Amino acid sequence: MKPADQKRLEDIADGLMDSFPVFFKRVTRGAAQPSSRKFDPSMVVLKMALMHGPLPMSMIGGHMGISKPYMTALVDELIDKGLVERVPDPEDRRVINVRITEAGKAEIKEFMKGARQAIIKNLSSLDAEDISSLHEMVRNVRDIISKLDEDKARERSVKKDV
């Protein structure tokens, strides 16, 4: 890797760590949160389970970058609230999947609706050029995430073949 590319990656890392949490907090300011819930890791678990169906706890925890003990505690809390349930994996009985319940679906849908409305409201003061730039940036970030996910899948595939 060229030194200039390394410097850019360092700048990107610093920018992401400094900007994304603040940006997210600012654009979601005023969002109505169900059950007095703030945007926390449990919302990510619910969103993933809603989007992808039952998933292994290890996959969710790996995606979120959280430890197995914390993931277990998080899922236990969501189970206690009736938002998810543990189900055996039909293809591997050693694996336990997390499946969203109807109550969990209602909770995450309500949260996402409120967050979306707040984001739109908070960004509506931007001019057309800023909105266009932000729209392009979000598309680019999604594309990059897809590429990173593909790279990770290839890594797992290579490890299984070894």
N, C-alpha and C. Protein backbone atom coordinates (compact mmCIF):
# COMPACT_ATOMS: atom_id res chain seq x y z
N MET A 1 0.85 -1.18 0.00
CA MET A 1 0.00 0.00 0.00
C MET A 1 0.89 1.24 0.00
N LYS A 2 0.49 2.20 -0.80
CA LYS A 2 1.25 3.44 -0.89
C LYS A 2 1.07 4.27 0.38
N PRO A 3 2.11 5.03 0.74
CA PRO A 3 1.99 5.89 1.93
C PRO A 3 0.80 6.86 1.85
N ALA A 4 0.50 7.38 0.65
CA ALA A 4 -0.64 8.30 0.50
C ALA A 4 -1.95 7.59 0.79
N ASP A 5 -2.07 6.32 0.35
CA ASP A 5 -3.28 5.54 0.61
C ASP A 5 -3.40 5.25 2.11
N GLN A 6 -2.27 4.93 2.73
CA GLN A 6 -2.28 4.67 4.17
C GLN A 6 -2.75 5.92 4.92
N LYS A 7 -2.26 7.07 4.53
CA LYS A 7 -2.66 8.33 5.17
C LYS A 7 -4.15 8.57 4.98
N ARG A 8 -4.66 8.32 3.78
CA ARG A 8 -6.11 8.48 3.53
C ARG A 8 -6.92 7.54 4.41
N LEU A 9 -6.47 6.30 4.53
CA LEU A 9 -7.19 5.34 5.38
C LEU A 9 -7.19 5.79 6.84
N GLU A 10 -6.07 6.34 7.29
CA GLU A 10 -6.00 6.87 8.65
C GLU A 10 -6.97 8.03 8.82
N ASP A 11 -7.03 8.92 7.83
CA ASP A 11 -7.97 10.05 7.88
C ASP A 11 -9.42 9.56 7.87
N ILE A 12 -9.68 8.54 7.05
CA ILE A 12 -11.03 7.97 7.00
C ILE A 12 -11.40 7.39 8.37
N ALA A 13 -10.49 6.62 8.95
CA ALA A 13 -10.76 6.01 10.26
C ALA A 13 -11.05 7.08 11.30
N ASP A 14 -10.22 8.10 11.35
CA ASP A 14 -10.43 9.18 12.31
C ASP A 14 -11.76 9.88 12.05
N GLY A 15 -12.04 10.15 10.78
CA GLY A 15 -13.28 10.84 10.43
C GLY A 15 -14.51 10.03 10.79
N LEU A 16 -14.47 8.73 10.51
CA LEU A 16 -15.61 7.88 10.85
C LEU A 16 -15.84 7.82 12.36
N MET A 17 -14.76 7.62 13.10
CA MET A 17 -14.90 7.52 14.55
C MET A 17 -15.36 8.84 15.17
N ASP A 18 -14.91 9.94 14.62
CA ASP A 18 -15.28 11.24 15.16
C ASP A 18 -16.66 11.70 14.69
N SER A 19 -16.98 11.42 13.45
CA SER A 19 -18.16 12.04 12.84
C SER A 19 -19.43 11.20 12.91
N PHE A 20 -19.35 9.90 12.66
CA PHE A 20 -20.59 9.13 12.54
C PHE A 20 -21.43 9.12 13.81
N PRO A 21 -20.83 8.91 15.00
CA PRO A 21 -21.70 8.94 16.18
C PRO A 21 -22.38 10.30 16.38
N VAL A 22 -21.63 11.37 16.15
CA VAL A 22 -22.20 12.72 16.30
C VAL A 22 -23.25 12.95 15.23
N PHE A 23 -22.95 12.58 14.00
CA PHE A 23 -23.89 12.75 12.90
C PHE A 23 -25.19 12.00 13.18
N PHE A 24 -25.07 10.75 13.59
CA PHE A 24 -26.26 9.95 13.86
C PHE A 24 -27.08 10.57 14.99
N LYS A 25 -26.40 10.99 16.02
CA LYS A 25 -27.09 11.60 17.16
C LYS A 25 -27.83 12.87 16.73
N ARG A 26 -27.18 13.68 15.90
CA ARG A 26 -27.80 14.93 15.45
C ARG A 26 -29.00 14.70 14.54
N VAL A 27 -28.87 13.76 13.60
CA VAL A 27 -29.97 13.57 12.65
C VAL A 27 -31.15 12.83 13.26
N THR A 28 -30.94 12.10 14.37
CA THR A 28 -32.06 11.39 15.00
C THR A 28 -32.61 12.17 16.20
N ARG A 29 -32.06 13.34 16.47
CA ARG A 29 -32.52 14.15 17.59
C ARG A 29 -34.02 14.37 17.49
N GLY A 30 -34.72 14.12 18.58
CA GLY A 30 -36.16 14.33 18.60
C GLY A 30 -36.97 13.13 18.18
N ALA A 31 -36.30 12.03 17.85
CA ALA A 31 -37.04 10.83 17.43
C ALA A 31 -37.82 10.27 18.62
N ALA A 32 -39.08 9.96 18.38
CA ALA A 32 -39.88 9.30 19.41
C ALA A 32 -39.38 7.87 19.52
N GLN A 33 -39.04 7.46 20.74
CA GLN A 33 -38.52 6.11 20.91
C GLN A 33 -39.48 5.25 21.68
N PRO A 34 -39.85 4.09 21.11
CA PRO A 34 -40.79 3.21 21.79
C PRO A 34 -40.23 2.75 23.12
N SER A 35 -41.11 2.64 24.07
CA SER A 35 -40.76 2.14 25.40
C SER A 35 -39.60 2.92 26.00
N SER A 36 -39.52 4.19 25.72
CA SER A 36 -38.44 5.05 26.23
C SER A 36 -37.07 4.51 25.86
N ARG A 37 -36.98 3.78 24.78
CA ARG A 37 -35.74 3.16 24.32
C ARG A 37 -34.93 4.15 23.51
N LYS A 38 -33.66 4.20 23.78
CA LYS A 38 -32.77 4.96 22.94
C LYS A 38 -32.23 4.00 21.89
N PHE A 39 -31.54 4.56 20.90
CA PHE A 39 -30.94 3.67 19.91
C PHE A 39 -29.81 2.93 20.60
N ASP A 40 -30.02 1.68 20.84
CA ASP A 40 -29.02 0.87 21.52
C ASP A 40 -28.81 -0.42 20.75
N PRO A 41 -27.89 -1.25 21.19
CA PRO A 41 -27.60 -2.49 20.45
C PRO A 41 -28.83 -3.39 20.27
N SER A 42 -29.78 -3.33 21.19
CA SER A 42 -30.96 -4.18 21.04
C SER A 42 -31.74 -3.82 19.78
N MET A 43 -31.72 -2.55 19.40
CA MET A 43 -32.41 -2.14 18.17
C MET A 43 -31.71 -2.73 16.94
N VAL A 44 -30.39 -2.85 17.00
CA VAL A 44 -29.65 -3.45 15.89
C VAL A 44 -30.00 -4.94 15.78
N VAL A 45 -30.09 -5.62 16.91
CA VAL A 45 -30.47 -7.04 16.90
C VAL A 45 -31.85 -7.20 16.29
N LEU A 46 -32.79 -6.37 16.73
CA LEU A 46 -34.15 -6.46 16.19
C LEU A 46 -34.18 -6.17 14.69
N LYS A 47 -33.45 -5.16 14.27
CA LYS A 47 -33.42 -4.79 12.85
C LYS A 47 -32.82 -5.93 12.01
N MET A 48 -31.72 -6.52 12.48
CA MET A 48 -31.09 -7.62 11.74
C MET A 48 -32.03 -8.83 11.65
N ALA A 49 -32.69 -9.15 12.77
CA ALA A 49 -33.60 -10.29 12.79
C ALA A 49 -34.81 -10.04 11.89
N LEU A 50 -35.26 -8.80 11.82
CA LEU A 50 -36.38 -8.46 10.95
C LEU A 50 -35.97 -8.57 9.48
N MET A 51 -34.79 -8.04 9.15
CA MET A 51 -34.34 -8.01 7.76
C MET A 51 -33.92 -9.37 7.23
N HIS A 52 -33.28 -10.18 8.08
CA HIS A 52 -32.64 -11.40 7.58
C HIS A 52 -33.26 -12.69 8.11
N GLY A 53 -34.27 -12.58 8.93
CA GLY A 53 -34.86 -13.78 9.50
C GLY A 53 -34.01 -14.33 10.62
N PRO A 54 -34.30 -15.54 11.08
CA PRO A 54 -33.51 -16.10 12.18
C PRO A 54 -32.02 -16.15 11.83
N LEU A 55 -31.21 -15.66 12.76
CA LEU A 55 -29.76 -15.63 12.57
C LEU A 55 -29.07 -16.19 13.80
N PRO A 56 -27.91 -16.83 13.61
CA PRO A 56 -27.14 -17.30 14.76
C PRO A 56 -26.68 -16.11 15.61
N MET A 57 -26.71 -16.29 16.91
CA MET A 57 -26.25 -15.23 17.82
C MET A 57 -24.82 -14.82 17.49
N SER A 58 -23.99 -15.77 17.13
CA SER A 58 -22.59 -15.46 16.83
C SER A 58 -22.48 -14.56 15.61
N MET A 59 -23.34 -14.74 14.63
CA MET A 59 -23.30 -13.91 13.43
C MET A 59 -23.73 -12.48 13.76
N ILE A 60 -24.78 -12.34 14.56
CA ILE A 60 -25.24 -11.01 14.95
C ILE A 60 -24.17 -10.31 15.77
N GLY A 61 -23.62 -11.02 16.76
CA GLY A 61 -22.57 -10.45 17.60
C GLY A 61 -21.34 -10.07 16.81
N GLY A 62 -20.96 -10.92 15.85
CA GLY A 62 -19.80 -10.62 15.01
C GLY A 62 -20.03 -9.38 14.17
N HIS A 63 -21.23 -9.25 13.61
CA HIS A 63 -21.57 -8.08 12.80
C HIS A 63 -21.52 -6.81 13.64
N MET A 64 -21.96 -6.92 14.88
CA MET A 64 -22.02 -5.75 15.75
C MET A 64 -20.69 -5.49 16.47
N GLY A 65 -19.81 -6.49 16.43
CA GLY A 65 -18.52 -6.33 17.11
C GLY A 65 -18.64 -6.42 18.63
N ILE A 66 -19.54 -7.28 19.10
CA ILE A 66 -19.70 -7.44 20.54
C ILE A 66 -19.38 -8.87 20.95
N SER A 67 -19.00 -9.03 22.20
CA SER A 67 -18.56 -10.32 22.71
C SER A 67 -19.74 -11.28 22.87
N LYS A 68 -19.42 -12.57 22.91
CA LYS A 68 -20.45 -13.60 23.08
C LYS A 68 -21.20 -13.43 24.41
N PRO A 69 -20.50 -13.17 25.53
CA PRO A 69 -21.25 -12.98 26.79
C PRO A 69 -22.20 -11.78 26.74
N TYR A 70 -21.75 -10.68 26.12
CA TYR A 70 -22.63 -9.51 26.02
C TYR A 70 -23.80 -9.81 25.10
N MET A 71 -23.54 -10.52 24.01
CA MET A 71 -24.61 -10.88 23.07
C MET A 71 -25.63 -11.76 23.77
N THR A 72 -25.18 -12.70 24.57
CA THR A 72 -26.08 -13.58 25.31
C THR A 72 -26.96 -12.77 26.26
N ALA A 73 -26.36 -11.85 26.99
CA ALA A 73 -27.12 -11.01 27.92
C ALA A 73 -28.13 -10.14 27.16
N LEU A 74 -27.71 -9.61 26.04
CA LEU A 74 -28.59 -8.77 25.22
C LEU A 74 -29.79 -9.57 24.71
N VAL A 75 -29.54 -10.77 24.21
CA VAL A 75 -30.63 -11.62 23.72
C VAL A 75 -31.53 -12.04 24.88
N ASP A 76 -30.95 -12.36 26.03
CA ASP A 76 -31.76 -12.72 27.21
C ASP A 76 -32.71 -11.58 27.58
N GLU A 77 -32.22 -10.35 27.52
CA GLU A 77 -33.05 -9.18 27.83
C GLU A 77 -34.20 -9.06 26.82
N LEU A 78 -33.87 -9.25 25.54
CA LEU A 78 -34.90 -9.17 24.50
C LEU A 78 -35.92 -10.30 24.63
N ILE A 79 -35.48 -11.47 25.05
CA ILE A 79 -36.39 -12.59 25.29
C ILE A 79 -37.32 -12.26 26.44
N ASP A 80 -36.75 -11.73 27.53
CA ASP A 80 -37.56 -11.36 28.70
C ASP A 80 -38.66 -10.36 28.34
N LYS A 81 -38.38 -9.51 27.36
CA LYS A 81 -39.35 -8.51 26.93
C LYS A 81 -40.27 -9.03 25.84
N GLY A 82 -40.06 -10.29 25.42
CA GLY A 82 -40.92 -10.90 24.42
C GLY A 82 -40.66 -10.42 23.00
N LEU A 83 -39.46 -9.86 22.75
CA LEU A 83 -39.17 -9.28 21.44
C LEU A 83 -38.46 -10.25 20.49
N VAL A 84 -37.75 -11.23 21.03
CA VAL A 84 -37.11 -12.27 20.23
C VAL A 84 -37.26 -13.59 20.95
N GLU A 85 -36.93 -14.65 20.22
CA GLU A 85 -36.91 -15.99 20.83
C GLU A 85 -35.73 -16.76 20.25
N ARG A 86 -35.26 -17.72 21.03
CA ARG A 86 -34.21 -18.61 20.54
C ARG A 86 -34.87 -19.80 19.85
N VAL A 87 -34.32 -20.15 18.69
CA VAL A 87 -34.83 -21.31 17.97
C VAL A 87 -33.65 -22.13 17.46
N PRO A 88 -33.79 -23.45 17.45
CA PRO A 88 -32.70 -24.27 16.93
C PRO A 88 -32.54 -24.06 15.42
N ASP A 89 -31.30 -24.15 14.96
CA ASP A 89 -31.02 -24.05 13.53
C ASP A 89 -31.41 -25.38 12.89
N PRO A 90 -32.24 -25.34 11.84
CA PRO A 90 -32.67 -26.61 11.23
C PRO A 90 -31.55 -27.39 10.55
N GLU A 91 -30.45 -26.70 10.21
CA GLU A 91 -29.35 -27.37 9.51
C GLU A 91 -28.20 -27.79 10.43
N ASP A 92 -28.15 -27.22 11.64
CA ASP A 92 -27.06 -27.54 12.56
C ASP A 92 -27.60 -27.41 13.98
N ARG A 93 -27.85 -28.54 14.62
CA ARG A 93 -28.48 -28.51 15.94
C ARG A 93 -27.62 -27.88 17.02
N ARG A 94 -26.33 -27.68 16.73
CA ARG A 94 -25.45 -27.02 17.70
C ARG A 94 -25.65 -25.51 17.72
N VAL A 95 -26.28 -24.98 16.67
CA VAL A 95 -26.44 -23.54 16.51
C VAL A 95 -27.83 -23.12 17.00
N ILE A 96 -27.84 -22.02 17.75
CA ILE A 96 -29.10 -21.43 18.21
C ILE A 96 -29.28 -20.11 17.47
N ASN A 97 -30.43 -19.98 16.82
CA ASN A 97 -30.75 -18.76 16.09
C ASN A 97 -31.62 -17.84 16.93
N VAL A 98 -31.57 -16.57 16.58
CA VAL A 98 -32.43 -15.56 17.20
C VAL A 98 -33.50 -15.20 16.17
N ARG A 99 -34.75 -15.33 16.58
CA ARG A 99 -35.88 -15.01 15.70
C ARG A 99 -36.72 -13.92 16.35
N ILE A 100 -37.08 -12.92 15.56
CA ILE A 100 -37.89 -11.82 16.06
C ILE A 100 -39.34 -12.28 16.23
N THR A 101 -39.99 -11.79 17.29
CA THR A 101 -41.40 -12.10 17.52
C THR A 101 -42.26 -11.01 16.90
N GLU A 102 -43.57 -11.21 16.91
CA GLU A 102 -44.48 -10.18 16.41
C GLU A 102 -44.33 -8.90 17.23
N ALA A 103 -44.16 -9.04 18.54
CA ALA A 103 -43.96 -7.85 19.39
C ALA A 103 -42.65 -7.15 19.02
N GLY A 104 -41.62 -7.94 18.72
CA GLY A 104 -40.34 -7.36 18.30
C GLY A 104 -40.47 -6.63 16.97
N LYS A 105 -41.23 -7.21 16.05
CA LYS A 105 -41.46 -6.56 14.76
C LYS A 105 -42.15 -5.22 14.96
N ALA A 106 -43.15 -5.20 15.81
CA ALA A 106 -43.87 -3.95 16.07
C ALA A 106 -42.94 -2.92 16.71
N GLU A 107 -42.11 -3.36 17.64
CA GLU A 107 -41.19 -2.46 18.33
C GLU A 107 -40.18 -1.82 17.37
N ILE A 108 -39.54 -2.64 16.53
CA ILE A 108 -38.52 -2.09 15.63
C ILE A 108 -39.16 -1.25 14.54
N LYS A 109 -40.32 -1.63 14.07
CA LYS A 109 -41.00 -0.83 13.05
C LYS A 109 -41.38 0.53 13.60
N GLU A 110 -41.87 0.57 14.83
CA GLU A 110 -42.22 1.85 15.47
C GLU A 110 -40.96 2.70 15.67
N PHE A 111 -39.90 2.07 16.13
CA PHE A 111 -38.65 2.80 16.33
C PHE A 111 -38.13 3.36 15.01
N MET A 112 -38.10 2.54 13.97
CA MET A 112 -37.58 2.97 12.67
C MET A 112 -38.44 4.09 12.07
N LYS A 113 -39.73 4.00 12.24
CA LYS A 113 -40.62 5.05 11.75
C LYS A 113 -40.30 6.38 12.43
N GLY A 114 -40.17 6.36 13.75
CA GLY A 114 -39.85 7.59 14.49
C GLY A 114 -38.48 8.13 14.13
N ALA A 115 -37.50 7.24 14.01
CA ALA A 115 -36.15 7.68 13.67
C ALA A 115 -36.13 8.26 12.26
N ARG A 116 -36.82 7.63 11.34
CA ARG A 116 -36.88 8.11 9.95
C ARG A 116 -37.50 9.50 9.89
N GLN A 117 -38.60 9.68 10.60
CA GLN A 117 -39.27 10.99 10.61
C GLN A 117 -38.35 12.06 11.19
N ALA A 118 -37.64 11.72 12.26
CA ALA A 118 -36.73 12.69 12.88
C ALA A 118 -35.58 13.03 11.94
N ILE A 119 -35.05 12.03 11.26
CA ILE A 119 -33.94 12.26 10.33
C ILE A 119 -34.40 13.19 9.20
N ILE A 120 -35.55 12.90 8.63
CA ILE A 120 -36.07 13.74 7.55
C ILE A 120 -36.26 15.18 8.05
N LYS A 121 -36.86 15.31 9.21
CA LYS A 121 -37.09 16.66 9.78
C LYS A 121 -35.76 17.38 10.00
N ASN A 122 -34.79 16.69 10.58
CA ASN A 122 -33.51 17.32 10.92
C ASN A 122 -32.66 17.64 9.70
N LEU A 123 -32.86 16.91 8.61
CA LEU A 123 -32.09 17.17 7.40
C LEU A 123 -32.81 18.11 6.43
N SER A 124 -34.07 18.39 6.69
CA SER A 124 -34.86 19.18 5.74
C SER A 124 -34.38 20.63 5.60
N SER A 125 -33.58 21.10 6.53
CA SER A 125 -33.08 22.48 6.43
C SER A 125 -31.86 22.58 5.50
N LEU A 126 -31.34 21.45 5.06
CA LEU A 126 -30.20 21.47 4.15
C LEU A 126 -30.62 21.95 2.77
N ASP A 127 -29.68 22.55 2.06
CA ASP A 127 -30.01 22.97 0.70
C ASP A 127 -29.91 21.76 -0.24
N ALA A 128 -30.38 21.95 -1.48
CA ALA A 128 -30.45 20.85 -2.45
C ALA A 128 -29.08 20.22 -2.71
N GLU A 129 -28.04 21.03 -2.74
CA GLU A 129 -26.69 20.52 -2.99
C GLU A 129 -26.23 19.61 -1.85
N ASP A 130 -26.48 20.03 -0.61
CA ASP A 130 -26.10 19.20 0.53
C ASP A 130 -26.89 17.90 0.56
N ILE A 131 -28.18 17.99 0.25
CA ILE A 131 -29.01 16.77 0.21
C ILE A 131 -28.50 15.82 -0.86
N SER A 132 -28.16 16.35 -2.01
CA SER A 132 -27.62 15.52 -3.09
C SER A 132 -26.31 14.88 -2.67
N SER A 133 -25.42 15.65 -2.05
CA SER A 133 -24.13 15.11 -1.59
C SER A 133 -24.34 14.02 -0.56
N LEU A 134 -25.23 14.25 0.37
CA LEU A 134 -25.50 13.28 1.43
C LEU A 134 -26.12 12.01 0.84
N HIS A 135 -27.01 12.17 -0.11
CA HIS A 135 -27.63 11.03 -0.78
C HIS A 135 -26.57 10.17 -1.47
N GLU A 136 -25.67 10.81 -2.18
CA GLU A 136 -24.58 10.10 -2.86
C GLU A 136 -23.67 9.41 -1.85
N MET A 137 -23.37 10.09 -0.75
CA MET A 137 -22.51 9.51 0.28
C MET A 137 -23.13 8.25 0.86
N VAL A 138 -24.42 8.30 1.15
CA VAL A 138 -25.10 7.14 1.72
C VAL A 138 -25.07 5.96 0.74
N ARG A 139 -25.31 6.23 -0.54
CA ARG A 139 -25.21 5.17 -1.54
C ARG A 139 -23.81 4.59 -1.58
N ASN A 140 -22.80 5.45 -1.54
CA ASN A 140 -21.41 4.98 -1.55
C ASN A 140 -21.09 4.15 -0.32
N VAL A 141 -21.53 4.59 0.84
CA VAL A 141 -21.28 3.83 2.07
C VAL A 141 -21.94 2.45 1.98
N ARG A 142 -23.17 2.39 1.48
CA ARG A 142 -23.84 1.09 1.32
C ARG A 142 -23.07 0.18 0.37
N ASP A 143 -22.58 0.75 -0.74
CA ASP A 143 -21.80 -0.05 -1.69
C ASP A 143 -20.52 -0.58 -1.03
N ILE A 144 -19.87 0.26 -0.27
CA ILE A 144 -18.63 -0.15 0.39
C ILE A 144 -18.91 -1.23 1.44
N ILE A 145 -19.99 -1.08 2.17
CA ILE A 145 -20.36 -2.11 3.16
C ILE A 145 -20.59 -3.44 2.46
N SER A 146 -21.27 -3.42 1.32
CA SER A 146 -21.51 -4.66 0.56
C SER A 146 -20.19 -5.30 0.15
N LYS A 147 -19.24 -4.49 -0.32
CA LYS A 147 -17.93 -5.02 -0.71
C LYS A 147 -17.20 -5.61 0.49
N LEU A 148 -17.27 -4.93 1.63
CA LEU A 148 -16.61 -5.44 2.83
C LEU A 148 -17.26 -6.76 3.27
N ASP A 149 -18.58 -6.83 3.17
CA ASP A 149 -19.28 -8.08 3.52
C ASP A 149 -18.87 -9.21 2.58
N GLU A 150 -18.72 -8.91 1.30
CA GLU A 150 -18.28 -9.92 0.33
C GLU A 150 -16.86 -10.40 0.66
N ASP A 151 -15.99 -9.46 1.02
CA ASP A 151 -14.62 -9.83 1.40
C ASP A 151 -14.63 -10.74 2.62
N LYS A 152 -15.46 -10.42 3.60
CA LYS A 152 -15.55 -11.22 4.82
C LYS A 152 -16.08 -12.62 4.50
N ALA A 153 -17.06 -12.70 3.62
CA ALA A 153 -17.61 -14.00 3.23
C ALA A 153 -16.55 -14.84 2.53
N ARG A 154 -15.76 -14.21 1.68
CA ARG A 154 -14.67 -14.94 0.99
C ARG A 154 -13.65 -15.44 2.00
N GLU A 155 -13.33 -14.62 3.00
CA GLU A 155 -12.38 -15.03 4.05
C GLU A 155 -12.90 -16.27 4.77
N ARG A 156 -14.19 -16.25 5.15
CA ARG A 156 -14.77 -17.40 5.85
C ARG A 156 -14.75 -18.64 4.97
N SER A 157 -15.01 -18.46 3.69
CA SER A 157 -15.02 -19.57 2.74
C SER A 157 -13.62 -20.18 2.63
N VAL A 158 -12.62 -19.35 2.55
CA VAL A 158 -11.23 -19.83 2.45
C VAL A 158 -10.84 -20.58 3.73
N LYS A 159 -11.22 -20.05 4.90
CA LYS A 159 -10.91 -20.72 6.16
C LYS A 159 -11.56 -22.10 6.26
N LYS A 160 -12.80 -22.22 5.74
CA LYS A 160 -13.50 -23.51 5.78
C LYS A 160 -12.83 -24.52 4.86
N ASP A 161 -12.27 -24.04 3.76
CA ASP A 161 -11.63 -24.94 2.79
C ASP A 161 -10.26 -25.43 3.26
N VAL A 162 -9.68 -24.74 4.22
CA VAL A 162 -8.32 -25.11 4.67
C VAL A 162 -8.35 -26.25 5.63
